[in-house]
Amino acid sequence: MADDAQRSVSLTRTGPSRFEARNARGVTMPVGAGSDPENDAFTPVELLLVGIAGCSGIDIDLLTSRKAEPLSFDISAAAEKVRDEHGNHLGPVTVTVQVRFPEGEAGDAARERLPEAVELSRDRLCTVSRTVALPTRVDYETR
């Protein structure tokens, strides 16, 4: 029986500072250093930001679209890269959520639910941002 809690990805080198990432479902995407202007791959830091914004976007969408289907839904995540005595890391991450709902009772209900949905995602639901916000140990193995 498969462990539904386990998550994993694998990367295979395809060139200098370039990898192909694969998830357990077989979906692939290029990952690279981002230093080559011809490189069309996401960098690992961009993928972290995608993970934060995507995770919260899914949470917020599930909680608000029950009330009304959004007319538009945009979410972004941004942070400054910092190099200091702690090594390379990101400074505070800002997630910006812009959602428009239709006029009327259903749209009003969705607009009213939006702030709570954002808070729930930030404080409890989004596995990605919660992992970043909490002290989470990362272990490395060589084989």
Foldseek 3Di string as FASTA:
>chain_A
DDDPVDWDKDWDDPDVQKTWIATPVGDIFIEGDPPDPVDPGHHPVSVLFCLLFVLLQVQLCVQQCVLPHWPDKDKGKDFDWDADPVGTDTDDIDIDIDTHGDDDDSRVVSVVCRVVSNVCCCPPGRPSNVCVVDDDDDDDDDD
